[in-house]
């Protein structure tokens, strides 16, 4: 997995660099993360730590004298560090790939940064490919790491359409009280140190969720269309399309069904699904005839994703039969 985090920031007090380093080292000792100290010198412009959680690239906590986080890789990993020039703007962003560490370690890293941010930084920005930094949603984080039932079902759907071998193993249900969880251990450790507060950026999350849903479904639609064309369907053909939505509440399912009916579609609703998607209501049905070319299907897919987003539901794709 290529999931990463990207971050930059400035300390509230540049003189607090030593306190942050001591704090971080204590946390590393308790949680079991390896670290390597970086000492400032005539040729080394930064002071701090490289921290390496199991399975992850190193977390770079190195600071200039003014308290700015600084990506010192260009100085550390070179034969002639004395020739390197500090460029605060060019090297202010730091990235760390966490994808191979797994979701549990990734969430521990995010909690670690939340704690440091609140305690030491006047300015701090972090972008998280898993969106756990923005949302604190552990289930969604596991999904983005490919560790959830839903993510495996999506993989299997794509592989099935392309005639590839399916993933057979499903993850076990997570035990929130699992004593082996690094994320839980980090949470407990940080609470003893004063903890941290968190407020999700809901507007950003909703926009990202809608954009990603559209992207996924457009890709899936292209796969379905190619499969149908190989079965003899022509892009000039018009067909009724079968659609599938999921809702986590009866009222949402009802509102979606009403909106779809207003488009002239035949709609059916079911009780919470008996599949691995627990407690979800299925809303399915069929459209009026749609021209089966990529432009019309793409536009229709976007419309369904936006309708699902508006009603608080999830569009789960479509299908039809080749005559």
Foldseek 3Di string as FASTA:
>chain_A
DQWKKKKWFFWPALVCQVVVQVVVVVLCVQLVWDKDWDDDDPLQQWTHIFIGDPQKGTDQQIAGSRRIRFQCCVQPPDPCSNPDDDDCVVTRMDMIGCLRVALLVVLLVLQVVQLCCVPITPDMDMDTPQCCNQPVDSQSSNLVSVQAPVNLVLVQLLCVLVVHDHDDDHHDDDDPPPPPRSNVVSQVVVVVVVGGDDDHPVVVVLVVVLVVLLVSQLVVLVSQLVSLVVVPDDLQDWDKKKWKKKAQDPVLLVVLQVVQVVQVWDKDKDAADPPPRGNIIMIITIHPIWRRDSVRVSVVSSVVSVSQSVSVIHTDYIHDDRD
